[in-house]
Amino acid sequence: MNKINLKEKLTYIKKHWDPKIIAEVNDMHVKLAKLKGDFTWHFHENEDELFYVVKGELVLKFRDKDVLVKEGELIVVPHGVEHKPVAEKEVHIMLFEPRKTLNTGNVENEKTKVSEEWI
């Protein structure tokens, strides 16, 4: 049982859209990532996704609306809901998602991360 310093762990992340695992809770991974720009429209067939904004602002685009998630706020995207994260400026996020979750969900492209690293 060791505590985790989020600010310290974030210094190890050098690339945008490259989530790193920092902890595991039951069958869930806790991940940190730095985001900037647009991601891919996608959905997760069986997994919900929790986005917590550690620093900055994240827009989660849905087909029917956009949701601005500010520092200190979180949003849960239910499984099956198509979404697209967008960060105008760099944003630091923490994700909670099942271990088997592919970051691009139902889409495979250059942003897909198959093997995820621990930091």
PDB file of N, CA and C in Angstrom:
ATOM      1  N   MET A   1       0.848  -1.181   0.000  1.00  0.00           N
ATOM      2  CA  MET A   1       0.000   0.000   0.000  1.00  0.00           C
ATOM      3  C   MET A   1       0.889   1.238   0.000  1.00  0.00           C
ATOM      4  N   ASN A   2       1.051   1.789  -1.165  1.00  0.00           N
ATOM      5  CA  ASN A   2       1.835   3.005  -1.307  1.00  0.00           C
ATOM      6  C   ASN A   2       0.961   4.111  -1.862  1.00  0.00           C
ATOM      7  N   LYS A   3       1.203   5.320  -1.397  1.00  0.00           N
ATOM      8  CA  LYS A   3       0.456   6.446  -1.952  1.00  0.00           C
ATOM      9  C   LYS A   3       1.051   6.810  -3.308  1.00  0.00           C
ATOM     10  N   ILE A   4       0.238   7.490  -4.128  1.00  0.00           N
ATOM     11  CA  ILE A   4       0.654   7.871  -5.478  1.00  0.00           C
ATOM     12  C   ILE A   4       0.501   9.375  -5.612  1.00  0.00           C
ATOM     13  N   ASN A   5       1.556  10.027  -6.062  1.00  0.00           N
ATOM     14  CA  ASN A   5       1.541  11.468  -6.280  1.00  0.00           C
ATOM     15  C   ASN A   5       1.241  11.721  -7.763  1.00  0.00           C
ATOM     16  N   LEU A   6       0.053  12.245  -8.048  1.00  0.00           N
ATOM     17  CA  LEU A   6      -0.367  12.450  -9.432  1.00  0.00           C
ATOM     18  C   LEU A   6       0.539  13.418 -10.176  1.00  0.00           C
ATOM     19  N   LYS A   7       0.918  14.520  -9.531  1.00  0.00           N
ATOM     20  CA  LYS A   7       1.788  15.500 -10.191  1.00  0.00           C
ATOM     21  C   LYS A   7       3.111  14.865 -10.597  1.00  0.00           C
ATOM     22  N   GLU A   8       3.673  14.061  -9.708  1.00  0.00           N
ATOM     23  CA  GLU A   8       4.934  13.384 -10.018  1.00  0.00           C
ATOM     24  C   GLU A   8       4.757  12.411 -11.182  1.00  0.00           C
ATOM     25  N   LYS A   9       3.716  11.589 -11.135  1.00  0.00           N
ATOM     26  CA  LYS A   9       3.484  10.605 -12.189  1.00  0.00           C
ATOM     27  C   LYS A   9       3.273  11.283 -13.542  1.00  0.00           C
ATOM     28  N   LEU A  10       2.612  12.430 -13.542  1.00  0.00           N
ATOM     29  CA  LEU A  10       2.365  13.146 -14.800  1.00  0.00           C
ATOM     30  C   LEU A  10       3.650  13.625 -15.465  1.00  0.00           C
ATOM     31  N   THR A  11       4.708  13.823 -14.688  1.00  0.00           N
ATOM     32  CA  THR A  11       5.980  14.260 -15.290  1.00  0.00           C
ATOM     33  C   THR A  11       6.589  13.178 -16.177  1.00  0.00           C
ATOM     34  N   TYR A  12       6.200  11.918 -15.992  1.00  0.00           N
ATOM     35  CA  TYR A  12       6.721  10.819 -16.801  1.00  0.00           C
ATOM     36  C   TYR A  12       6.014  10.688 -18.148  1.00  0.00           C
ATOM     37  N   ILE A  13       4.890  11.367 -18.302  1.00  0.00           N
ATOM     38  CA  ILE A  13       4.128  11.271 -19.549  1.00  0.00           C
ATOM     39  C   ILE A  13       4.605  12.354 -20.495  1.00  0.00           C
ATOM     40  N   LYS A  14       5.179  11.918 -21.622  1.00  0.00           N
ATOM     41  CA  LYS A  14       5.790  12.856 -22.571  1.00  0.00           C
ATOM     42  C   LYS A  14       4.946  13.067 -23.824  1.00  0.00           C
ATOM     43  N   LYS A  15       4.088  12.102 -24.168  1.00  0.00           N
ATOM     44  CA  LYS A  15       3.305  12.196 -25.399  1.00  0.00           C
ATOM     45  C   LYS A  15       1.818  12.355 -25.090  1.00  0.00           C
ATOM     46  N   HIS A  16       1.132  13.086 -25.957  1.00  0.00           N
ATOM     47  CA  HIS A  16      -0.321  13.222 -25.830  1.00  0.00           C
ATOM     48  C   HIS A  16      -1.007  11.931 -26.293  1.00  0.00           C
ATOM     49  N   TRP A  17      -2.162  11.656 -25.694  1.00  0.00           N
ATOM     50  CA  TRP A  17      -2.993  10.508 -26.054  1.00  0.00           C
ATOM     51  C   TRP A  17      -2.265   9.181 -25.819  1.00  0.00           C
ATOM     52  N   ASP A  18      -1.431   9.125 -24.790  1.00  0.00           N
ATOM     53  CA  ASP A  18      -0.661   7.925 -24.473  1.00  0.00           C
ATOM     54  C   ASP A  18      -0.866   7.582 -22.997  1.00  0.00           C
ATOM     55  N   PRO A  19      -2.042   7.028 -22.642  1.00  0.00           N
ATOM     56  CA  PRO A  19      -2.348   6.770 -21.228  1.00  0.00           C
ATOM     57  C   PRO A  19      -1.388   5.786 -20.585  1.00  0.00           C
ATOM     58  N   LYS A  20      -1.084   6.044 -19.308  1.00  0.00           N
ATOM     59  CA  LYS A  20      -0.197   5.185 -18.521  1.00  0.00           C
ATOM     60  C   LYS A  20      -0.947   4.712 -17.276  1.00  0.00           C
ATOM     61  N   ILE A  21      -0.739   3.484 -16.907  1.00  0.00           N
ATOM     62  CA  ILE A  21      -1.405   2.907 -15.742  1.00  0.00           C
ATOM     63  C   ILE A  21      -0.641   3.290 -14.483  1.00  0.00           C
ATOM     64  N   ILE A  22      -1.383   3.752 -13.459  1.00  0.00           N
ATOM     65  CA  ILE A  22      -0.736   4.092 -12.185  1.00  0.00           C
ATOM     66  C   ILE A  22      -1.220   3.218 -11.028  1.00  0.00           C
ATOM     67  N   ALA A  23      -2.353   2.525 -11.230  1.00  0.00           N
ATOM     68  CA  ALA A  23      -2.883   1.682 -10.155  1.00  0.00           C
ATOM     69  C   ALA A  23      -3.920   0.728 -10.729  1.00  0.00           C
ATOM     70  N   GLU A  24      -4.244  -0.263  -9.902  1.00  0.00           N
ATOM     71  CA  GLU A  24      -5.285  -1.213 -10.271  1.00  0.00           C
ATOM     72  C   GLU A  24      -6.204  -1.390  -9.065  1.00  0.00           C
ATOM     73  N   VAL A  25      -7.504  -1.316  -9.308  1.00  0.00           N
ATOM     74  CA  VAL A  25      -8.507  -1.489  -8.261  1.00  0.00           C
ATOM     75  C   VAL A  25      -9.485  -2.546  -8.760  1.00  0.00           C
ATOM     76  N   ASN A  26      -9.509  -3.697  -8.091  1.00  0.00           N
ATOM     77  CA  ASN A  26     -10.278  -4.838  -8.568  1.00  0.00           C
ATOM     78  C   ASN A  26      -9.856  -5.113 -10.008  1.00  0.00           C
ATOM     79  N   ASP A  27     -10.748  -5.108 -10.946  1.00  0.00           N
ATOM     80  CA  ASP A  27     -10.368  -5.330 -12.348  1.00  0.00           C
ATOM     81  C   ASP A  27     -10.345  -4.030 -13.132  1.00  0.00           C
ATOM     82  N   MET A  28     -10.136  -2.921 -12.440  1.00  0.00           N
ATOM     83  CA  MET A  28     -10.113  -1.610 -13.080  1.00  0.00           C
ATOM     84  C   MET A  28      -8.699  -1.041 -13.084  1.00  0.00           C
ATOM     85  N   HIS A  29      -8.341  -0.410 -14.205  1.00  0.00           N
ATOM     86  CA  HIS A  29      -7.089   0.332 -14.259  1.00  0.00           C
ATOM     87  C   HIS A  29      -7.365   1.796 -13.966  1.00  0.00           C
ATOM     88  N   VAL A  30      -6.460   2.396 -13.229  1.00  0.00           N
ATOM     89  CA  VAL A  30      -6.453   3.838 -13.018  1.00  0.00           C
ATOM     90  C   VAL A  30      -5.305   4.345 -13.879  1.00  0.00           C
ATOM     91  N   LYS A  31      -5.628   5.265 -14.803  1.00  0.00           N
ATOM     92  CA  LYS A  31      -4.632   5.729 -15.764  1.00  0.00           C
ATOM     93  C   LYS A  31      -4.517   7.242 -15.725  1.00  0.00           C
ATOM     94  N   LEU A  32      -3.348   7.733 -16.102  1.00  0.00           N
ATOM     95  CA  LEU A  32      -3.133   9.162 -16.304  1.00  0.00           C
ATOM     96  C   LEU A  32      -2.775   9.376 -17.765  1.00  0.00           C
ATOM     97  N   ALA A  33      -3.181  10.537 -18.285  1.00  0.00           N
ATOM     98  CA  ALA A  33      -2.839  10.881 -19.665  1.00  0.00           C
ATOM     99  C   ALA A  33      -2.801  12.385 -19.812  1.00  0.00           C
ATOM    100  N   LYS A  34      -2.043  12.816 -20.805  1.00  0.00           N
ATOM    101  CA  LYS A  34      -2.042  14.213 -21.232  1.00  0.00           C
ATOM    102  C   LYS A  34      -2.671  14.235 -22.620  1.00  0.00           C
ATOM    103  N   LEU A  35      -3.620  15.122 -22.793  1.00  0.00           N
ATOM    104  CA  LEU A  35      -4.344  15.201 -24.059  1.00  0.00           C
ATOM    105  C   LEU A  35      -4.186  16.580 -24.662  1.00  0.00           C
ATOM    106  N   LYS A  36      -4.140  16.638 -25.986  1.00  0.00           N
ATOM    107  CA  LYS A  36      -4.154  17.913 -26.701  1.00  0.00           C
ATOM    108  C   LYS A  36      -4.610  17.639 -28.119  1.00  0.00           C
ATOM    109  N   GLY A  37      -5.590  18.421 -28.582  1.00  0.00           N
ATOM    110  CA  GLY A  37      -6.143  18.235 -29.917  1.00  0.00           C
ATOM    111  C   GLY A  37      -7.374  17.347 -29.877  1.00  0.00           C
ATOM    112  N   ASP A  38      -7.692  16.786 -31.039  1.00  0.00           N
ATOM    113  CA  ASP A  38      -8.876  15.931 -31.190  1.00  0.00           C
ATOM    114  C   ASP A  38      -8.492  14.463 -31.102  1.00  0.00           C
ATOM    115  N   PHE A  39      -9.394  13.668 -30.550  1.00  0.00           N
ATOM    116  CA  PHE A  39      -9.226  12.229 -30.547  1.00  0.00           C
ATOM    117  C   PHE A  39     -10.167  11.644 -31.596  1.00  0.00           C
ATOM    118  N   THR A  40     -10.394  10.368 -31.524  1.00  0.00           N
ATOM    119  CA  THR A  40     -11.204   9.623 -32.476  1.00  0.00           C
ATOM    120  C   THR A  40     -12.621   9.440 -31.952  1.00  0.00           C
ATOM    121  N   TRP A  41     -13.617   9.583 -32.828  1.00  0.00           N
ATOM    122  CA  TRP A  41     -14.977   9.193 -32.459  1.00  0.00           C
ATOM    123  C   TRP A  41     -14.963   7.690 -32.206  1.00  0.00           C
ATOM    124  N   HIS A  42     -15.483   7.270 -31.065  1.00  0.00           N
ATOM    125  CA  HIS A  42     -15.511   5.853 -30.732  1.00  0.00           C
ATOM    126  C   HIS A  42     -16.518   5.586 -29.621  1.00  0.00           C
ATOM    127  N   PHE A  43     -16.762   4.310 -29.364  1.00  0.00           N
ATOM    128  CA  PHE A  43     -17.550   3.901 -28.198  1.00  0.00           C
ATOM    129  C   PHE A  43     -16.975   2.598 -27.675  1.00  0.00           C
ATOM    130  N   HIS A  44     -17.334   2.273 -26.455  1.00  0.00           N
ATOM    131  CA  HIS A  44     -16.917   1.028 -25.822  1.00  0.00           C
ATOM    132  C   HIS A  44     -18.170   0.181 -25.649  1.00  0.00           C
ATOM    133  N   GLU A  45     -18.165  -0.958 -26.298  1.00  0.00           N
ATOM    134  CA  GLU A  45     -19.365  -1.787 -26.327  1.00  0.00           C
ATOM    135  C   GLU A  45     -19.823  -2.243 -24.946  1.00  0.00           C
ATOM    136  N   ASN A  46     -18.870  -2.618 -24.080  1.00  0.00           N
ATOM    137  CA  ASN A  46     -19.239  -3.195 -22.783  1.00  0.00           C
ATOM    138  C   ASN A  46     -18.725  -2.431 -21.574  1.00  0.00           C
ATOM    139  N   GLU A  47     -17.872  -1.426 -21.776  1.00  0.00           N
ATOM    140  CA  GLU A  47     -17.231  -0.763 -20.639  1.00  0.00           C
ATOM    141  C   GLU A  47     -17.650   0.697 -20.520  1.00  0.00           C
ATOM    142  N   ASP A  48     -17.938   1.116 -19.290  1.00  0.00           N
ATOM    143  CA  ASP A  48     -18.107   2.532 -18.994  1.00  0.00           C
ATOM    144  C   ASP A  48     -16.708   3.131 -18.833  1.00  0.00           C
ATOM    145  N   GLU A  49     -16.609   4.459 -18.996  1.00  0.00           N
ATOM    146  CA  GLU A  49     -15.323   5.143 -18.869  1.00  0.00           C
ATOM    147  C   GLU A  49     -15.510   6.369 -17.982  1.00  0.00           C
ATOM    148  N   LEU A  50     -14.623   6.545 -17.012  1.00  0.00           N
ATOM    149  CA  LEU A  50     -14.666   7.719 -16.146  1.00  0.00           C
ATOM    150  C   LEU A  50     -13.485   8.610 -16.485  1.00  0.00           C
ATOM    151  N   PHE A  51     -13.769   9.880 -16.815  1.00  0.00           N
ATOM    152  CA  PHE A  51     -12.744  10.890 -17.073  1.00  0.00           C
ATOM    153  C   PHE A  51     -12.759  11.886 -15.921  1.00  0.00           C
ATOM    154  N   TYR A  52     -11.629  12.045 -15.233  1.00  0.00           N
ATOM    155  CA  TYR A  52     -11.484  13.050 -14.179  1.00  0.00           C
ATOM    156  C   TYR A  52     -10.418  14.031 -14.649  1.00  0.00           C
ATOM    157  N   VAL A  53     -10.763  15.329 -14.692  1.00  0.00           N
ATOM    158  CA  VAL A  53      -9.818  16.341 -15.152  1.00  0.00           C
ATOM    159  C   VAL A  53      -8.968  16.803 -13.971  1.00  0.00           C
ATOM    160  N   VAL A  54      -7.680  16.486 -14.037  1.00  0.00           N
ATOM    161  CA  VAL A  54      -6.725  16.865 -13.007  1.00  0.00           C
ATOM    162  C   VAL A  54      -6.285  18.312 -13.218  1.00  0.00           C
ATOM    163  N   LYS A  55      -6.061  18.687 -14.496  1.00  0.00           N
ATOM    164  CA  LYS A  55      -5.602  20.038 -14.817  1.00  0.00           C
ATOM    165  C   LYS A  55      -6.109  20.407 -16.213  1.00  0.00           C
ATOM    166  N   GLY A  56      -6.669  21.608 -16.331  1.00  0.00           N
ATOM    167  CA  GLY A  56      -7.135  22.082 -17.628  1.00  0.00           C
ATOM    168  C   GLY A  56      -8.615  21.856 -17.841  1.00  0.00           C
ATOM    169  N   GLU A  57      -9.009  21.798 -19.106  1.00  0.00           N
ATOM    170  CA  GLU A  57     -10.410  21.608 -19.486  1.00  0.00           C
ATOM    171  C   GLU A  57     -10.493  20.638 -20.655  1.00  0.00           C
ATOM    172  N   LEU A  58     -11.476  19.763 -20.591  1.00  0.00           N
ATOM    173  CA  LEU A  58     -11.699  18.761 -21.618  1.00  0.00           C
ATOM    174  C   LEU A  58     -13.122  18.903 -22.140  1.00  0.00           C
ATOM    175  N   VAL A  59     -13.273  18.868 -23.448  1.00  0.00           N
ATOM    176  CA  VAL A  59     -14.610  18.831 -24.041  1.00  0.00           C
ATOM    177  C   VAL A  59     -14.854  17.399 -24.489  1.00  0.00           C
ATOM    178  N   LEU A  60     -15.943  16.828 -24.013  1.00  0.00           N
ATOM    179  CA  LEU A  60     -16.361  15.524 -24.509  1.00  0.00           C
ATOM    180  C   LEU A  60     -17.507  15.768 -25.469  1.00  0.00           C
ATOM    181  N   LYS A  61     -17.269  15.435 -26.725  1.00  0.00           N
ATOM    182  CA  LYS A  61     -18.285  15.609 -27.750  1.00  0.00           C
ATOM    183  C   LYS A  61     -19.099  14.330 -27.840  1.00  0.00           C
ATOM    184  N   PHE A  62     -20.401  14.519 -27.880  1.00  0.00           N
ATOM    185  CA  PHE A  62     -21.339  13.431 -28.115  1.00  0.00           C
ATOM    186  C   PHE A  62     -22.102  13.803 -29.379  1.00  0.00           C
ATOM    187  N   ARG A  63     -22.781  12.894 -29.984  1.00  0.00           N
ATOM    188  CA  ARG A  63     -23.477  13.182 -31.239  1.00  0.00           C
ATOM    189  C   ARG A  63     -24.570  14.233 -31.060  1.00  0.00           C
ATOM    190  N   ASP A  64     -25.104  14.375 -29.844  1.00  0.00           N
ATOM    191  CA  ASP A  64     -26.201  15.327 -29.626  1.00  0.00           C
ATOM    192  C   ASP A  64     -25.823  16.543 -28.783  1.00  0.00           C
ATOM    193  N   LYS A  65     -24.580  16.576 -28.221  1.00  0.00           N
ATOM    194  CA  LYS A  65     -24.176  17.711 -27.396  1.00  0.00           C
ATOM    195  C   LYS A  65     -22.691  17.642 -27.089  1.00  0.00           C
ATOM    196  N   ASP A  66     -22.157  18.756 -26.596  1.00  0.00           N
ATOM    197  CA  ASP A  66     -20.788  18.832 -26.097  1.00  0.00           C
ATOM    198  C   ASP A  66     -20.854  19.108 -24.596  1.00  0.00           C
ATOM    199  N   VAL A  67     -19.963  18.489 -23.830  1.00  0.00           N
ATOM    200  CA  VAL A  67     -19.905  18.702 -22.384  1.00  0.00           C
ATOM    201  C   VAL A  67     -18.500  19.176 -22.028  1.00  0.00           C
ATOM    202  N   LEU A  68     -18.413  20.355 -21.416  1.00  0.00           N
ATOM    203  CA  LEU A  68     -17.144  20.897 -20.945  1.00  0.00           C
ATOM    204  C   LEU A  68     -16.891  20.366 -19.532  1.00  0.00           C
ATOM    205  N   VAL A  69     -15.760  19.686 -19.346  1.00  0.00           N
ATOM    206  CA  VAL A  69     -15.390  19.137 -18.046  1.00  0.00           C
ATOM    207  C   VAL A  69     -14.170  19.918 -17.572  1.00  0.00           C
ATOM    208  N   LYS A  70     -14.348  20.647 -16.477  1.00  0.00           N
ATOM    209  CA  LYS A  70     -13.286  21.523 -15.967  1.00  0.00           C
ATOM    210  C   LYS A  70     -12.456  20.829 -14.897  1.00  0.00           C
ATOM    211  N   GLU A  71     -11.339  21.456 -14.572  1.00  0.00           N
ATOM    212  CA  GLU A  71     -10.442  20.950 -13.543  1.00  0.00           C
ATOM    213  C   GLU A  71     -11.218  20.630 -12.266  1.00  0.00           C
ATOM    214  N   GLY A  72     -10.991  19.429 -11.739  1.00  0.00           N
ATOM    215  CA  GLY A  72     -11.673  19.012 -10.519  1.00  0.00           C
ATOM    216  C   GLY A  72     -13.033  18.376 -10.766  1.00  0.00           C
ATOM    217  N   GLU A  73     -13.440  18.260 -12.026  1.00  0.00           N
ATOM    218  CA  GLU A  73     -14.728  17.647 -12.367  1.00  0.00           C
ATOM    219  C   GLU A  73     -14.488  16.309 -13.063  1.00  0.00           C
ATOM    220  N   LEU A  74     -15.529  15.476 -13.068  1.00  0.00           N
ATOM    221  CA  LEU A  74     -15.450  14.207 -13.769  1.00  0.00           C
ATOM    222  C   LEU A  74     -16.732  13.935 -14.512  1.00  0.00           C
ATOM    223  N   ILE A  75     -16.636  13.024 -15.458  1.00  0.00           N
ATOM    224  CA  ILE A  75     -17.801  12.592 -16.217  1.00  0.00           C
ATOM    225  C   ILE A  75     -17.654  11.105 -16.486  1.00  0.00           C
ATOM    226  N   VAL A  76     -18.770  10.395 -16.452  1.00  0.00           N
ATOM    227  CA  VAL A  76     -18.790   8.978 -16.787  1.00  0.00           C
ATOM    228  C   VAL A  76     -19.493   8.831 -18.130  1.00  0.00           C
ATOM    229  N   VAL A  77     -18.815   8.201 -19.066  1.00  0.00           N
ATOM    230  CA  VAL A  77     -19.405   7.913 -20.370  1.00  0.00           C
ATOM    231  C   VAL A  77     -19.881   6.460 -20.330  1.00  0.00           C
ATOM    232  N   PRO A  78     -21.202   6.250 -20.400  1.00  0.00           N
ATOM    233  CA  PRO A  78     -21.721   4.881 -20.348  1.00  0.00           C
ATOM    234  C   PRO A  78     -21.318   4.072 -21.579  1.00  0.00           C
ATOM    235  N   HIS A  79     -21.213   2.768 -21.396  1.00  0.00           N
ATOM    236  CA  HIS A  79     -20.877   1.898 -22.529  1.00  0.00           C
ATOM    237  C   HIS A  79     -21.908   2.085 -23.643  1.00  0.00           C
ATOM    238  N   GLY A  80     -21.412   1.977 -24.870  1.00  0.00           N
ATOM    239  CA  GLY A  80     -22.285   2.111 -26.030  1.00  0.00           C
ATOM    240  C   GLY A  80     -22.515   3.526 -26.512  1.00  0.00           C
ATOM    241  N   VAL A  81     -22.047   4.532 -25.747  1.00  0.00           N
ATOM    242  CA  VAL A  81     -22.258   5.931 -26.124  1.00  0.00           C
ATOM    243  C   VAL A  81     -21.045   6.430 -26.907  1.00  0.00           C
ATOM    244  N   GLU A  82     -21.280   6.844 -28.152  1.00  0.00           N
ATOM    245  CA  GLU A  82     -20.201   7.345 -28.992  1.00  0.00           C
ATOM    246  C   GLU A  82     -19.750   8.707 -28.469  1.00  0.00           C
ATOM    247  N   HIS A  83     -18.434   8.893 -28.405  1.00  0.00           N
ATOM    248  CA  HIS A  83     -17.882  10.135 -27.873  1.00  0.00           C
ATOM    249  C   HIS A  83     -16.538  10.437 -28.516  1.00  0.00           C
ATOM    250  N   LYS A  84     -16.128  11.700 -28.370  1.00  0.00           N
ATOM    251  CA  LYS A  84     -14.856  12.162 -28.927  1.00  0.00           C
ATOM    252  C   LYS A  84     -14.273  13.194 -27.974  1.00  0.00           C
ATOM    253  N   PRO A  85     -13.190  12.861 -27.262  1.00  0.00           N
ATOM    254  CA  PRO A  85     -12.529  13.841 -26.401  1.00  0.00           C
ATOM    255  C   PRO A  85     -11.778  14.878 -27.246  1.00  0.00           C
ATOM    256  N   VAL A  86     -11.862  16.152 -26.820  1.00  0.00           N
ATOM    257  CA  VAL A  86     -11.169  17.246 -27.494  1.00  0.00           C
ATOM    258  C   VAL A  86     -10.549  18.149 -26.435  1.00  0.00           C
ATOM    259  N   ALA A  87      -9.272  18.490 -26.630  1.00  0.00           N
ATOM    260  CA  ALA A  87      -8.569  19.386 -25.706  1.00  0.00           C
ATOM    261  C   ALA A  87      -7.923  20.498 -26.520  1.00  0.00           C
ATOM    262  N   GLU A  88      -8.484  21.694 -26.441  1.00  0.00           N
ATOM    263  CA  GLU A  88      -7.914  22.834 -27.168  1.00  0.00           C
ATOM    264  C   GLU A  88      -6.494  23.125 -26.688  1.00  0.00           C
ATOM    265  N   LYS A  89      -6.305  23.102 -25.368  1.00  0.00           N
ATOM    266  CA  LYS A  89      -4.995  23.253 -24.740  1.00  0.00           C
ATOM    267  C   LYS A  89      -4.710  21.957 -24.001  1.00  0.00           C
ATOM    268  N   GLU A  90      -3.457  21.733 -23.636  1.00  0.00           N
ATOM    269  CA  GLU A  90      -3.118  20.490 -22.945  1.00  0.00           C
ATOM    270  C   GLU A  90      -3.945  20.333 -21.677  1.00  0.00           C
ATOM    271  N   VAL A  91      -4.470  19.144 -21.492  1.00  0.00           N
ATOM    272  CA  VAL A  91      -5.242  18.804 -20.302  1.00  0.00           C
ATOM    273  C   VAL A  91      -4.664  17.523 -19.715  1.00  0.00           C
ATOM    274  N   HIS A  92      -4.682  17.426 -18.390  1.00  0.00           N
ATOM    275  CA  HIS A  92      -4.217  16.231 -17.690  1.00  0.00           C
ATOM    276  C   HIS A  92      -5.449  15.532 -17.131  1.00  0.00           C
ATOM    277  N   ILE A  93      -5.576  14.245 -17.422  1.00  0.00           N
ATOM    278  CA  ILE A  93      -6.756  13.515 -16.963  1.00  0.00           C
ATOM    279  C   ILE A  93      -6.365  12.233 -16.250  1.00  0.00           C
ATOM    280  N   MET A  94      -7.309  11.758 -15.442  1.00  0.00           N
ATOM    281  CA  MET A  94      -7.217  10.448 -14.833  1.00  0.00           C
ATOM    282  C   MET A  94      -8.419   9.659 -15.340  1.00  0.00           C
ATOM    283  N   LEU A  95      -8.180   8.416 -15.738  1.00  0.00           N
ATOM    284  CA  LEU A  95      -9.224   7.543 -16.266  1.00  0.00           C
ATOM    285  C   LEU A  95      -9.404   6.340 -15.349  1.00  0.00           C
ATOM    286  N   PHE A  96     -10.648   5.915 -15.198  1.00  0.00           N
ATOM    287  CA  PHE A  96     -10.963   4.660 -14.517  1.00  0.00           C
ATOM    288  C   PHE A  96     -11.717   3.822 -15.535  1.00  0.00           C
ATOM    289  N   GLU A  97     -11.167   2.660 -15.857  1.00  0.00           N
ATOM    290  CA  GLU A  97     -11.828   1.805 -16.833  1.00  0.00           C
ATOM    291  C   GLU A  97     -11.390   0.362 -16.635  1.00  0.00           C
ATOM    292  N   PRO A  98     -12.225  -0.591 -17.054  1.00  0.00           N
ATOM    293  CA  PRO A  98     -11.849  -1.997 -16.915  1.00  0.00           C
ATOM    294  C   PRO A  98     -10.517  -2.287 -17.599  1.00  0.00           C
ATOM    295  N   ARG A  99      -9.794  -3.227 -17.050  1.00  0.00           N
ATOM    296  CA  ARG A  99      -8.462  -3.586 -17.513  1.00  0.00           C
ATOM    297  C   ARG A  99      -8.389  -3.845 -19.012  1.00  0.00           C
ATOM    298  N   LYS A 100      -9.384  -4.472 -19.565  1.00  0.00           N
ATOM    299  CA  LYS A 100      -9.347  -4.875 -20.974  1.00  0.00           C
ATOM    300  C   LYS A 100      -9.747  -3.760 -21.941  1.00  0.00           C
ATOM    301  N   THR A 101     -10.065  -2.582 -21.449  1.00  0.00           N
ATOM    302  CA  THR A 101     -10.571  -1.510 -22.298  1.00  0.00           C
ATOM    303  C   THR A 101      -9.508  -0.992 -23.259  1.00  0.00           C
ATOM    304  N   LEU A 102      -9.845  -0.969 -24.534  1.00  0.00           N
ATOM    305  CA  LEU A 102      -8.989  -0.405 -25.561  1.00  0.00           C
ATOM    306  C   LEU A 102      -9.292   1.086 -25.650  1.00  0.00           C
ATOM    307  N   ASN A 103      -8.278   1.927 -25.659  1.00  0.00           N
ATOM    308  CA  ASN A 103      -8.507   3.378 -25.595  1.00  0.00           C
ATOM    309  C   ASN A 103      -9.354   3.913 -26.741  1.00  0.00           C
ATOM    310  N   THR A 104      -9.315   3.271 -27.894  1.00  0.00           N
ATOM    311  CA  THR A 104     -10.117   3.733 -29.030  1.00  0.00           C
ATOM    312  C   THR A 104     -11.384   2.904 -29.211  1.00  0.00           C
ATOM    313  N   GLY A 105     -11.717   2.096 -28.219  1.00  0.00           N
ATOM    314  CA  GLY A 105     -12.974   1.354 -28.242  1.00  0.00           C
ATOM    315  C   GLY A 105     -13.153   0.496 -29.471  1.00  0.00           C
ATOM    316  N   ASN A 106     -14.209   0.798 -30.242  1.00  0.00           N
ATOM    317  CA  ASN A 106     -14.572   0.006 -31.407  1.00  0.00           C
ATOM    318  C   ASN A 106     -13.769   0.357 -32.660  1.00  0.00           C
ATOM    319  N   VAL A 107     -12.814   1.292 -32.546  1.00  0.00           N
ATOM    320  CA  VAL A 107     -12.027   1.759 -33.692  1.00  0.00           C
ATOM    321  C   VAL A 107     -10.558   1.417 -33.455  1.00  0.00           C
ATOM    322  N   GLU A 108      -9.883   0.980 -34.504  1.00  0.00           N
ATOM    323  CA  GLU A 108      -8.437   0.783 -34.408  1.00  0.00           C
ATOM    324  C   GLU A 108      -7.764   1.678 -35.433  1.00  0.00           C
ATOM    325  N   ASN A 109      -6.859   2.544 -34.944  1.00  0.00           N
ATOM    326  CA  ASN A 109      -6.135   3.464 -35.818  1.00  0.00           C
ATOM    327  C   ASN A 109      -4.788   3.799 -35.181  1.00  0.00           C
ATOM    328  N   GLU A 110      -4.148   4.845 -35.662  1.00  0.00           N
ATOM    329  CA  GLU A 110      -2.813   5.216 -35.166  1.00  0.00           C
ATOM    330  C   GLU A 110      -2.807   5.637 -33.696  1.00  0.00           C
ATOM    331  N   LYS A 111      -3.960   5.959 -33.126  1.00  0.00           N
ATOM    332  CA  LYS A 111      -4.021   6.359 -31.715  1.00  0.00           C
ATOM    333  C   LYS A 111      -4.325   5.191 -30.783  1.00  0.00           C
ATOM    334  N   THR A 112      -4.572   4.015 -31.335  1.00  0.00           N
ATOM    335  CA  THR A 112      -4.865   2.833 -30.531  1.00  0.00           C
ATOM    336  C   THR A 112      -3.610   2.395 -29.772  1.00  0.00           C
ATOM    337  N   LYS A 113      -3.763   2.164 -28.476  1.00  0.00           N
ATOM    338  CA  LYS A 113      -2.673   1.698 -27.612  1.00  0.00           C
ATOM    339  C   LYS A 113      -3.003   0.279 -27.149  1.00  0.00           C
ATOM    340  N   VAL A 114      -2.308  -0.694 -27.709  1.00  0.00           N
ATOM    341  CA  VAL A 114      -2.576  -2.094 -27.384  1.00  0.00           C
ATOM    342  C   VAL A 114      -1.897  -2.473 -26.073  1.00  0.00           C
ATOM    343  N   SER A 115      -0.610  -2.236 -25.970  1.00  0.00           N
ATOM    344  CA  SER A 115       0.093  -2.561 -24.725  1.00  0.00           C
ATOM    345  C   SER A 115       0.271  -1.271 -23.928  1.00  0.00           C
ATOM    346  N   GLU A 116      -0.231  -1.280 -22.719  1.00  0.00           N
ATOM    347  CA  GLU A 116      -0.159  -0.083 -21.894  1.00  0.00           C
ATOM    348  C   GLU A 116       0.924  -0.231 -20.845  1.00  0.00           C
ATOM    349  N   GLU A 117       1.603   0.855 -20.584  1.00  0.00           N
ATOM    350  CA  GLU A 117       2.714   0.851 -19.634  1.00  0.00           C
ATOM    351  C   GLU A 117       2.275   1.353 -18.261  1.00  0.00           C
ATOM    352  N   TRP A 118       2.943   0.833 -17.250  1.00  0.00           N
ATOM    353  CA  TRP A 118       2.807   1.319 -15.894  1.00  0.00           C
ATOM    354  C   TRP A 118       3.863   2.385 -15.662  1.00  0.00           C
ATOM    355  N   ILE A 119       3.515   3.403 -14.917  1.00  0.00           N
ATOM    356  CA  ILE A 119       4.518   4.377 -14.482  1.00  0.00           C
ATOM    357  C   ILE A 119       4.441   4.510 -12.975  1.00  0.00           C
TER     358      ILE A 119
END
